[in-house]
């Protein structure tokens, strides 16, 4: 069985046609692309050069009649509009072809040399940014416009080349969108894995506190003199409820644990263990909740790992201070050698997830000396 699904409905086709013909889209060339500003400058420069060429060619063929500024504006404007709205740019460029046909009726060819350098980039911009139905309608409308205006023997060849441009542009754009979806899914998967890891570690912290509740409840009859029977029953019920909660959390932990993953029996690290990561770390001796101490430890651990991976040989500094009701964690490294790569780029996301558990904030970015700094603020709350 073929997995393409049912053909689009009439309503879908009409909506797509209205989008192409009437509505303004917000698809922009170079959206989310590295070196966006230099590329935008190149596009604007290209539009300016082509607009000058088209205007000069028109003036050299026709007597100066005052229409060349319109051609200049249409050409330069359509190219510039690809940076804001690709469909609007295509509409203006197609209208420009019609205007040129009206101004130069003696010319048998619509797609001259300047027109190719002008119209093809606009078509490419549309093809790379839109879905297949939109690209198909753009191709059909473009072909119809050329068929109605072009009187040359090369009409079919020109139409075929323009459709090929659309096809190649669409294939390139579809591949890019597929890669973006793939990376987005990978990022989401990494975030879920990190959240499960945080939940497993927080389980140990919560289970420790619940165990203390159980011990206090069960020893209450021996610690409190003349405790009435009602009080003993109350403590017994509280202890049983706490034990049941621990059991439920252990079952939940089994769901969060990956297949084949063994339970970690070692105690969760805290503030006191940060010096094992960095011997010269400046760490406060204040008493903070175990969950906060664990978060600070993981932030320092991940930040030092990133520094070693992306700035090998750099000098690192770690500071953990308690300021009011906030634990402030700062990990800074100087410039180092070339990055070794790796890591998947999820370290900062994981740190932000951990800080968000406590309602805190995390900033990370380069420093003036070419290094990098991670700064986290974790509310301590009630201690």
Foldseek 3Di string as FASTA:
>chain_A
DDDPDDDDDPVVLVVLVCCLPPNFDFFAPCVVHPPSVVVLVVLLVLLQVLLVVVLVVLCVVDPPDPCSVVSSCLQSVLSNCNRGTLSVSLVSLLVSLVVVCVSCVVDQASCDPSNCSRNLVSLLSVLLGDDDSNLVVSLVVSLVSLVVRHRDPCSVVVSVVSNVSSVVSNVNNVVVVVVVVVLVVVLVVVLLLLVLVLLLLVLLLVLVVLVVLLVCLVCVPVPDPPDDPVSNVVSVVSNVVSVVVNVVSVVVNVVSDDPPDDRDPDHQDFQVCQCVVPVQEATDPDDFRRLVRNLLSLLSVLVVVQCCQAANPWDKYWYWDCDPQKTKIKIKTAHHDHGNDDDSPCSVVSSQVSQVVQPWDWDKDADPRGIIMIMIIGGRPDD
